[in-house]
Amino acid sequence: MAKAFLFNTSGIPINISINNGPFIEIPAANTSNWLPSAPNKSITFVANMTPSPGQICLGGNVVSYYPAMESPAESSTFTLSIPTNTPIESLQLYLFRADQESFAWVTNINGAYCAEASGR
């Protein structure tokens, strides 16, 4: 079964919800050496296009996020598209602060670049 990993590379905690699941907090990166942090709760990847709330799947995934010092009402949403024609053993989603008001993310599949985007 494929595994999904979320990483926060910014200096502030981020809360994230996947496919309308509960928000989970990803702690801030270690700012002395900028090692990304991961949530305490693992994320389930399902190799189909019908996830349960909180799971990442093939195709489009709705990801909502907000900095921990804000409220869920301030969350932003993006669609994370996972290719349906690529064998996936490992999916990595790196979230980082793009500027004072927005975040960006990079998606890797099996350690190789897949996509990037930003938003607020």
Protein backbone atom coordinates (compact mmCIF):
# COMPACT_ATOMS: atom_id res chain seq x y z
CA MET A 1 0.00 0.00 0.00
CA ALA A 2 1.27 3.48 -0.86
CA LYS A 3 2.07 5.91 1.91
CA ALA A 4 1.37 9.64 2.09
CA PHE A 5 3.55 12.10 3.98
CA LEU A 6 2.85 15.76 4.78
CA PHE A 7 5.66 18.12 5.71
CA ASN A 8 5.64 21.69 7.00
CA THR A 9 8.77 23.60 6.00
CA SER A 10 7.67 26.96 7.45
CA GLY A 11 8.47 28.43 10.84
CA ILE A 12 4.80 28.41 11.94
CA PRO A 13 2.40 25.54 12.64
CA ILE A 14 -0.16 24.82 9.92
CA ASN A 15 -3.55 23.10 10.24
CA ILE A 16 -4.64 21.01 7.27
CA SER A 17 -7.77 19.11 6.23
CA ILE A 18 -7.86 16.63 3.36
CA ASN A 19 -11.10 15.86 1.53
CA ASN A 20 -13.22 17.43 4.28
CA GLY A 21 -11.62 15.41 7.05
CA PRO A 22 -10.83 16.92 10.45
CA PHE A 23 -8.09 19.56 10.62
CA ILE A 24 -4.78 18.21 11.90
CA GLU A 25 -1.84 20.34 12.98
CA ILE A 26 1.57 20.05 11.39
CA PRO A 27 4.10 21.63 13.78
CA ALA A 28 6.50 24.32 12.62
CA ALA A 29 9.80 23.29 11.05
CA ASN A 30 12.86 23.27 13.26
CA THR A 31 14.07 26.82 12.60
CA SER A 32 17.64 26.19 13.74
CA ASN A 33 18.29 23.85 10.79
CA TRP A 34 14.99 24.11 8.83
CA LEU A 35 14.17 20.43 9.02
CA PRO A 36 10.53 20.00 7.95
CA SER A 37 8.09 18.62 10.49
CA ALA A 38 5.33 16.06 10.03
CA PRO A 39 1.97 15.67 11.76
CA ASN A 40 1.64 13.23 14.64
CA LYS A 41 -1.24 11.56 12.77
CA SER A 42 -0.48 9.59 9.62
CA ILE A 43 -2.37 10.26 6.40
CA THR A 44 -3.95 7.38 4.49
CA PHE A 45 -3.48 7.18 0.72
CA VAL A 46 -6.06 5.13 -1.18
CA ALA A 47 -5.38 3.96 -4.74
CA ASN A 48 -8.85 4.84 -6.00
CA MET A 49 -10.87 7.97 -6.68
CA THR A 50 -13.35 7.71 -3.77
CA PRO A 51 -11.62 8.65 -0.52
CA SER A 52 -13.17 8.86 2.89
CA PRO A 53 -12.81 12.23 4.66
CA GLY A 54 -9.18 12.69 5.67
CA GLN A 55 -7.75 10.36 3.02
CA ILE A 56 -5.73 11.28 -0.09
CA CYS A 57 -6.73 9.53 -3.31
CA LEU A 58 -5.95 9.39 -7.01
CA GLY A 59 -7.37 12.29 -9.03
CA GLY A 60 -8.53 15.50 -7.35
CA ASN A 61 -8.26 16.06 -3.59
CA VAL A 62 -9.61 19.07 -1.71
CA VAL A 63 -6.99 20.38 0.73
CA SER A 64 -7.85 23.18 3.18
CA TYR A 65 -5.21 24.80 5.38
CA TYR A 66 -4.59 27.75 7.68
CA PRO A 67 -1.81 28.95 9.98
CA ALA A 68 -2.36 27.75 13.56
CA MET A 69 -2.61 31.33 14.87
CA GLU A 70 -5.71 31.91 12.69
CA SER A 71 -9.10 30.22 12.75
CA PRO A 72 -10.63 27.66 10.38
CA ALA A 73 -12.77 30.49 9.00
CA GLU A 74 -9.53 31.90 7.54
CA SER A 75 -8.65 28.68 5.73
CA SER A 76 -7.67 28.51 2.07
CA THR A 77 -8.41 25.61 -0.23
CA PHE A 78 -6.59 24.11 -3.18
CA THR A 79 -7.04 21.00 -5.29
CA LEU A 80 -4.22 18.49 -5.07
CA SER A 81 -4.24 16.44 -8.28
CA ILE A 82 -2.64 13.01 -8.10
CA PRO A 83 -2.01 11.31 -11.48
CA THR A 84 -4.14 8.24 -12.06
CA ASN A 85 -1.68 6.63 -14.49
CA THR A 86 1.49 6.59 -12.33
CA PRO A 87 2.39 3.76 -9.95
CA ILE A 88 2.63 5.37 -6.52
CA GLU A 89 4.58 3.93 -3.62
CA SER A 90 5.07 7.21 -1.75
CA LEU A 91 3.41 10.61 -1.98
CA GLN A 92 5.02 13.64 -0.31
CA LEU A 93 3.32 17.02 0.10
CA TYR A 94 5.59 19.86 1.27
CA LEU A 95 3.86 23.02 2.54
CA PHE A 96 5.82 26.23 3.00
CA ARG A 97 5.23 29.93 3.47
CA ALA A 98 5.42 31.76 0.12
CA ASP A 99 5.10 35.27 1.63
CA GLN A 100 3.33 37.03 4.52
CA GLU A 101 -0.13 36.15 3.22
CA SER A 102 0.17 32.94 1.26
CA PHE A 103 1.50 29.42 1.30
CA ALA A 104 2.87 27.23 -1.45
CA TRP A 105 3.24 23.50 -1.84
CA VAL A 106 5.24 20.99 -3.82
CA THR A 107 4.10 17.45 -4.48
CA ASN A 108 6.52 14.58 -5.04
CA ILE A 109 5.59 11.06 -6.09
CA ASN A 110 8.10 8.35 -5.22
CA GLY A 111 10.59 11.13 -4.40
CA ALA A 112 10.29 12.79 -7.83
CA TYR A 113 8.76 16.19 -8.52
CA CYS A 114 5.10 16.06 -9.59
CA ALA A 115 3.48 19.51 -9.19
CA GLU A 116 3.56 22.80 -7.34
CA ALA A 117 1.16 25.65 -6.65
CA SER A 118 0.50 28.51 -4.24
CA GLY A 119 -2.49 30.29 -2.83
CA ARG A 120 -4.19 32.16 -0.03
